[in-house]
């Protein structure tokens, strides 16, 4: 797992009082007259739109809010947007009465310093700060003159991750007032095709949501629109406040005809890997639990509840143990034990009796758990085809034994030696989460914050569900060395059911026609290899100025205005015009080991008699019957191919008997068809001469 960099935004906008009439008072964040907020003191927000465009799991989101100051004096207006923590801001603009002021995106530490400097000087600035479990908040304020209009536009992007079988797009809805034009619109394009699409809101009943929500998907495209009217926004029929206050979540998944999918765009590729239906690899899990005094009360009870639920989901093929640390370290068993019904019942009794006590010796607790897993592997106490995991939960910083974070990190790194992942769960806010995150990432895991709330036990159980079903271990994504440059992380210790591995890279040669991508991993019973053939050759369909791009590896049908285009994977493309003529473009793949051999396309016409009598061209002139006569068949220069005389269009031509392949029904082998070959580039058969039909380009 790679660490995530959170960019912050600083707006370097230097307003002059003479030009803008803005006061230079210090920035105030989200006060009484915030935007979005109530229509207070003459500030009216009349439009908010969240526009999301998702292509191949990558989301491009634009939040646009428009407001007007109807008061008779300048007012301060604040704009705040809560962003997913996995997102990054790419642009922000502020438009006042038609004049646009752009912002500058800065790295986090640089942004913070510039933000503080800008505020001290009375300038307009915005900053991203943490806000809840999944979000960070961006806030900016500006003084708006009486009668002036202001438009805030924020652009942010994120790669959607697959979580328990679905991609999730998480949007925070909190306008705080009734808005005349409020809309969330998402357009999704997935080359693999969309298999499921759903949307839900935490702030509205399903009945009300259904009347304001439209969602649909077909083939590769999906669409979601949430557009509540003013009456639908009201918290009650006669209320003037808004019920739009909560989470709006869009989830979807894609078709998976094969475990992997590789997409190539502009010399770069992205490799998505998510196999299904594989048996689960047995796992060896050590739970390292902080039971120091700070865990007393609700936290220790929620930890017990979560562990009891987790024990209900442990498979009998798994091995486990519990290690508790406070001032010292205690263990449930001296070594890992199999999750038999008898052992699980004993484990439940142990968990129910967990009590808080003393200080926090995190270092010794972790090292004991790591040593136990290493010993189990060395002494063959666990199955050879199994995988090991350490899950550590703590609510504070180490204050007993080795307490220096950098030394604990070093000790853990040296003990694990890259052999298995460490997952750190930080309970609450009174801890050094950066330390936990760094230590997790250094050891092929990650850190997750568990929030002190009524559902903390569900958060703990939800984390375990993510790692409960490993399908592959020691996963390696391999590509031809001479074909790929600038590769992202391509080796992973685990692939978990319901997730997805994503690798990106740059092609060494943009003109390369194809390459192979291999994924190798260790399964529950044997080693597995998945091979994906990648082609860079594209099929582009244009609808006006809007292109849709496909490849010969797709199987898809696109229909619009009585025109139907069907791509049959690695075979052909069929274009039908309603009840009229059908064209077939066949992909002829040749043996490329001989020089000069290249794949080529064959163009065929089905039901050509449906074409207009005015149709012409090299092929079109023969779509309708014409008179000809063949006579005087006699031996030619090749004994197997007789010659004859053909009378056609008032010309006497010498023709030769032969055969040709018709690939309309069988694209790979074709069907042999007997025919007469006309010599001299068709002279006398075609209208005019052959050069009349050659053009410098197609468009």
Foldseek 3Di string as FASTA:
>chain_A
DDDAFEWKWWFPDDDDCVVAVFDLAFDDWDDQQEFLAACPQQKAWAAWEWEWEAEAQKIKIKIKTKIWRQHQFKDKYKDKFKDFRQKYWDWKWKAKQRDIGTIDIDGQVVLVVVRVVCRVRSHWTWTWADDDAGIIMIMIMTIHGHGMMMMIMTIMMGRFWFFQQKTKDKGWWDSHFQHQWYKYKYKYFYQQFWDDKDKDWPQDDPVLQVVQWDWDGDGGIIMIMGTDHSCSQAPDNPHGTGSRGGMMMMMTHGDPPDQWDWDDDPQKIKIKGADPDFAFFAEEEEEEEEQAPVCPDPNLVLVLVLVLVVLVVHDQLYWYWYWYDALHIDTPDQAIDGSDVVVSVSVNVVSVPRHHYHHAQPLVSLLSRLVRVVVCQVVVVHPPRYAYEYEYEDAEAHDHDDRDLVVSLVSNCVSNVLRHFYEYEHEDDHYDQVSRQVSRVSNQGGYHYQYPDPCSSVVSNSVCLRVNGWFWAFKAKDWPPQFWDDKDDGTHGTDGHRTMDMIMTGTPDLPDAKTKIWIWTAGNPGIDIDIDIDGPDWDWDDDDPDIDIHDLQDFDWDDDPQWIWTRDRQFWIWIDRHPAKIKIKTWAADDPPDPPDDIDIDIDIDPLVRDDPPQDAPPRPVSDDADKDWDDWDADPDNVKTWIWMQGPNDTFIWIKDWDFDCPPPRHPGDIDIDIHGPDQCPPNGPDHPVVRDDPDDD
